[in-house]
Amino acid sequence: MKKSLKEKLLHIAKNKISNKDPSHDFSHSLRVLTNAELIAKKEKCDLEIIIPAAIFHDVIGFPRNIHAQKSADEVVKILNTVPEYPKEKIKHVEYAIRMHSFKGRLETIEAKIIQDADNLEITGAIIIMRMFASAGFMGRAFYDLEDPWCKNRELDGSQYTLDYYFKRVLKVESEIHTTTAKKIVKRRMVFVKQFIKELKIELEGK
């Protein structure tokens, strides 16, 4: 992709993506783009699909349960207004965005890379920042005072931020598609698990 086109798409995204939620703002899209390009260097894929799909994957951030569908619909409108973007590739960008939160089988390498790039945001130092930024934004407690480690209750990520670690973060490694992303996740999860280990020590007053 030409540098001028990439910069144009980034400019559009910067003006469209809401910065109200720091865990799903424009900086999130930039990190997903960085992740996607890193993975794409090792995979056979089309950067003219990868780059806009990464940039606009969360262009509509809410409601979270349908944000992928809404973002996919929106990217079609956006790319149709960009004369230099190849129109025959819009459907592939739409598919990658629509499926980036889907847990089933993905049909294209570009969709797999976008999902991997987004899932890398659920690992490493960045997920610690995102989890607790989201807690503040949503007015959600850090953890259940009576049972922070969910020993005698069901997980409830809507009420307790730490529950999200057990419900989602621990599972992400098994959902990665590409070899490149698997290597990155493996390293990042070492840090996340160390953070949880230290938190447990501190909460137990040791």
Protein backbone atom coordinates (compact mmCIF):
# COMPACT_ATOMS: atom_id res chain seq x y z
CA MET A 1 0.00 0.00 0.00
CA LYS A 2 1.21 3.50 -0.83
CA LYS A 3 2.26 5.58 2.15
CA SER A 4 -0.07 8.41 1.12
CA LEU A 5 -3.11 6.10 1.14
CA LYS A 6 -2.19 4.64 4.52
CA GLU A 7 -1.81 8.13 5.98
CA LYS A 8 -5.17 9.15 4.52
CA LEU A 9 -6.88 6.16 6.11
CA LEU A 10 -5.24 6.89 9.46
CA HIS A 11 -6.42 10.49 9.28
CA ILE A 12 -10.00 9.38 8.63
CA ALA A 13 -9.85 6.87 11.49
CA LYS A 14 -8.43 9.40 13.94
CA ASN A 15 -11.42 11.66 13.34
CA LYS A 16 -14.00 8.86 13.50
CA ILE A 17 -12.88 6.64 16.40
CA SER A 18 -14.16 7.71 19.80
CA ASN A 19 -11.58 8.31 22.53
CA LYS A 20 -14.08 8.05 25.39
CA ASP A 21 -12.99 4.52 26.29
CA PRO A 22 -9.17 4.40 26.55
CA SER A 23 -9.18 0.63 26.03
CA HIS A 24 -10.82 0.99 22.59
CA ASP A 25 -9.56 4.35 21.35
CA PHE A 26 -7.46 5.37 18.35
CA SER A 27 -4.27 4.24 20.09
CA HIS A 28 -5.78 0.74 20.31
CA SER A 29 -6.29 0.77 16.54
CA LEU A 30 -2.68 1.89 16.03
CA ARG A 31 -1.38 -0.96 18.18
CA VAL A 32 -3.54 -3.50 16.32
CA LEU A 33 -2.16 -2.08 13.07
CA THR A 34 1.41 -2.49 14.35
CA ASN A 35 0.63 -6.06 15.43
CA ALA A 36 -1.01 -6.87 12.09
CA GLU A 37 1.88 -5.53 10.04
CA LEU A 38 4.35 -7.43 12.21
CA ILE A 39 2.48 -10.69 11.66
CA ALA A 40 1.91 -9.95 7.97
CA LYS A 41 5.65 -9.76 7.32
CA LYS A 42 5.82 -13.51 8.01
CA GLU A 43 2.58 -14.51 6.28
CA LYS A 44 1.42 -14.45 2.67
CA CYS A 45 -1.27 -11.80 2.71
CA ASP A 46 -2.53 -8.62 1.11
CA LEU A 47 -1.53 -5.46 2.98
CA GLU A 48 -4.18 -3.48 1.11
CA ILE A 49 -6.67 -5.59 3.07
CA ILE A 50 -4.70 -5.89 6.30
CA ILE A 51 -4.01 -2.18 6.82
CA PRO A 52 -7.57 -0.78 6.54
CA ALA A 53 -9.02 -3.78 8.40
CA ALA A 54 -6.67 -3.15 11.32
CA ILE A 55 -7.19 0.61 11.31
CA PHE A 56 -11.00 0.45 11.21
CA HIS A 57 -11.70 -2.81 13.08
CA ASP A 58 -13.17 -0.85 16.03
CA VAL A 59 -14.29 2.28 14.19
CA ILE A 60 -17.69 1.80 15.86
CA GLY A 61 -16.89 0.80 19.43
CA PHE A 62 -20.34 0.41 20.97
CA PRO A 63 -22.45 -1.52 21.71
CA ARG A 64 -19.65 -4.03 22.29
CA ASN A 65 -21.80 -7.06 21.47
CA ILE A 66 -22.37 -5.84 17.90
CA HIS A 67 -19.41 -3.51 17.35
CA ALA A 68 -17.75 -5.82 14.81
CA GLN A 69 -20.83 -5.87 12.59
CA LYS A 70 -21.31 -2.11 12.86
CA SER A 71 -17.61 -1.45 12.17
CA ALA A 72 -17.76 -3.74 9.11
CA ASP A 73 -20.75 -1.84 7.75
CA GLU A 74 -19.04 1.48 8.41
CA VAL A 75 -15.77 0.54 6.70
CA VAL A 76 -17.66 -0.20 3.47
CA LYS A 77 -19.04 3.34 3.52
CA ILE A 78 -15.63 4.82 4.34
CA LEU A 79 -13.62 2.96 1.70
CA ASN A 80 -16.19 3.74 -0.98
CA THR A 81 -15.43 7.42 -0.40
CA VAL A 82 -11.68 6.93 -0.95
CA PRO A 83 -11.15 7.05 -4.75
CA GLU A 84 -7.68 5.50 -4.73
CA TYR A 85 -8.67 2.46 -2.67
CA PRO A 86 -9.28 -0.65 -4.87
CA LYS A 87 -13.03 -1.28 -4.61
CA GLU A 88 -12.76 -5.01 -5.32
CA LYS A 89 -10.94 -5.43 -1.98
CA ILE A 90 -13.57 -3.74 0.18
CA LYS A 91 -15.51 -6.99 0.67
CA HIS A 92 -12.37 -8.66 2.04
CA VAL A 93 -11.77 -5.81 4.51
CA GLU A 94 -15.41 -6.00 5.54
CA TYR A 95 -15.14 -9.74 6.15
CA ALA A 96 -11.96 -9.43 8.25
CA ILE A 97 -13.56 -6.79 10.45
CA ARG A 98 -16.91 -8.55 10.74
CA MET A 99 -15.18 -11.74 11.86
CA HIS A 100 -12.48 -10.34 14.16
CA SER A 101 -14.48 -11.24 17.30
CA PHE A 102 -15.84 -14.51 15.90
CA LYS A 103 -14.77 -17.74 17.64
CA GLY A 104 -15.35 -20.11 14.73
CA ARG A 105 -13.46 -20.96 11.55
CA LEU A 106 -12.12 -18.03 9.52
CA GLU A 107 -11.90 -18.27 5.74
CA THR A 108 -9.04 -15.89 4.87
CA ILE A 109 -5.49 -15.35 6.10
CA GLU A 110 -6.22 -11.63 6.41
CA ALA A 111 -9.12 -12.31 8.79
CA LYS A 112 -6.90 -14.60 10.86
CA ILE A 113 -4.18 -11.96 11.07
CA ILE A 114 -6.61 -9.22 12.13
CA GLN A 115 -8.05 -11.48 14.83
CA ASP A 116 -4.55 -12.39 16.02
CA ALA A 117 -3.48 -8.74 16.01
CA ASP A 118 -6.51 -7.76 18.07
CA ASN A 119 -6.04 -10.71 20.44
CA LEU A 120 -2.46 -9.62 21.14
CA GLU A 121 -4.10 -6.65 22.87
CA ILE A 122 -5.41 -9.16 25.44
CA THR A 123 -1.85 -10.07 26.47
CA GLY A 124 1.27 -8.53 27.94
CA ALA A 125 1.63 -5.20 29.70
CA ILE A 126 -1.03 -3.61 27.52
CA ILE A 127 -3.87 -5.80 28.80
CA ILE A 128 -3.09 -4.76 32.37
CA MET A 129 -3.45 -1.13 31.31
CA ARG A 130 -6.58 -1.82 29.26
CA MET A 131 -8.33 -3.95 31.92
CA PHE A 132 -8.12 -1.30 34.58
CA ALA A 133 -8.70 1.65 32.25
CA SER A 134 -11.91 -0.12 31.26
CA ALA A 135 -12.74 -0.64 34.93
CA GLY A 136 -12.61 3.09 35.51
CA PHE A 137 -14.58 3.87 32.36
CA MET A 138 -17.32 1.34 33.16
CA GLY A 139 -17.38 2.01 36.91
CA ARG A 140 -16.51 -1.63 37.59
CA ALA A 141 -14.85 -2.95 40.76
CA PHE A 142 -11.26 -4.25 40.53
CA TYR A 143 -12.20 -7.53 42.21
CA ASP A 144 -14.68 -9.20 44.55
CA LEU A 145 -13.59 -8.40 48.10
CA GLU A 146 -14.95 -11.67 49.46
CA ASP A 147 -13.60 -13.98 46.75
CA PRO A 148 -11.18 -12.27 44.32
CA TRP A 149 -9.96 -15.61 42.87
CA CYS A 150 -13.43 -17.01 42.12
CA LYS A 151 -13.03 -20.07 44.33
CA ASN A 152 -16.66 -20.24 45.43
CA ARG A 153 -18.59 -18.28 42.79
CA GLU A 154 -19.18 -17.98 39.06
CA LEU A 155 -17.01 -15.66 36.99
CA ASP A 156 -18.60 -12.26 36.45
CA GLY A 157 -16.55 -10.00 34.20
CA SER A 158 -19.36 -7.44 34.09
CA GLN A 159 -18.94 -6.79 37.84
CA TYR A 160 -15.28 -7.52 38.57
CA THR A 161 -12.31 -6.61 36.39
CA LEU A 162 -10.05 -9.38 37.71
CA ASP A 163 -12.63 -11.95 36.59
CA TYR A 164 -11.87 -10.92 32.99
CA TYR A 165 -8.38 -12.34 33.45
CA PHE A 166 -9.77 -15.81 34.16
CA LYS A 167 -12.65 -15.54 31.67
CA ARG A 168 -10.77 -14.15 28.68
CA VAL A 169 -7.04 -13.46 29.10
CA LEU A 170 -6.08 -17.00 30.09
CA LYS A 171 -7.91 -18.40 27.04
CA VAL A 172 -6.46 -16.15 24.35
CA GLU A 173 -3.33 -18.25 23.75
CA SER A 174 -5.46 -21.16 22.49
CA GLU A 175 -7.29 -18.88 20.01
CA ILE A 176 -4.24 -17.68 18.05
CA HIS A 177 -3.94 -18.74 14.40
CA THR A 178 -0.52 -17.70 13.08
CA THR A 179 2.90 -18.97 14.13
CA THR A 180 4.22 -15.43 14.50
CA ALA A 181 1.45 -14.38 16.88
CA LYS A 182 1.78 -17.59 18.89
CA LYS A 183 5.43 -16.74 19.63
CA ILE A 184 4.52 -13.22 20.71
CA VAL A 185 1.64 -14.38 22.93
CA LYS A 186 3.78 -16.99 24.65
CA ARG A 187 6.30 -14.34 25.71
CA ARG A 188 3.66 -11.80 26.74
CA MET A 189 1.72 -14.27 28.87
CA VAL A 190 4.77 -14.83 31.04
CA PHE A 191 4.49 -11.18 32.11
CA VAL A 192 0.72 -11.34 32.67
CA LYS A 193 1.00 -14.44 34.85
CA GLN A 194 3.77 -12.81 36.87
CA PHE A 195 1.54 -9.79 37.44
CA ILE A 196 -1.28 -12.01 38.74
CA LYS A 197 1.16 -13.91 40.94
CA GLU A 198 2.39 -10.64 42.49
CA LEU A 199 -1.17 -9.37 42.93
CA LYS A 200 -2.12 -12.53 44.79
CA ILE A 201 0.82 -12.08 47.15
CA GLU A 202 -0.17 -8.48 47.84
CA LEU A 203 -3.88 -9.16 48.35
CA GLU A 204 -3.08 -11.95 50.78
CA GLY A 205 -0.79 -9.63 52.73
CA LYS A 206 2.34 -11.68 52.34
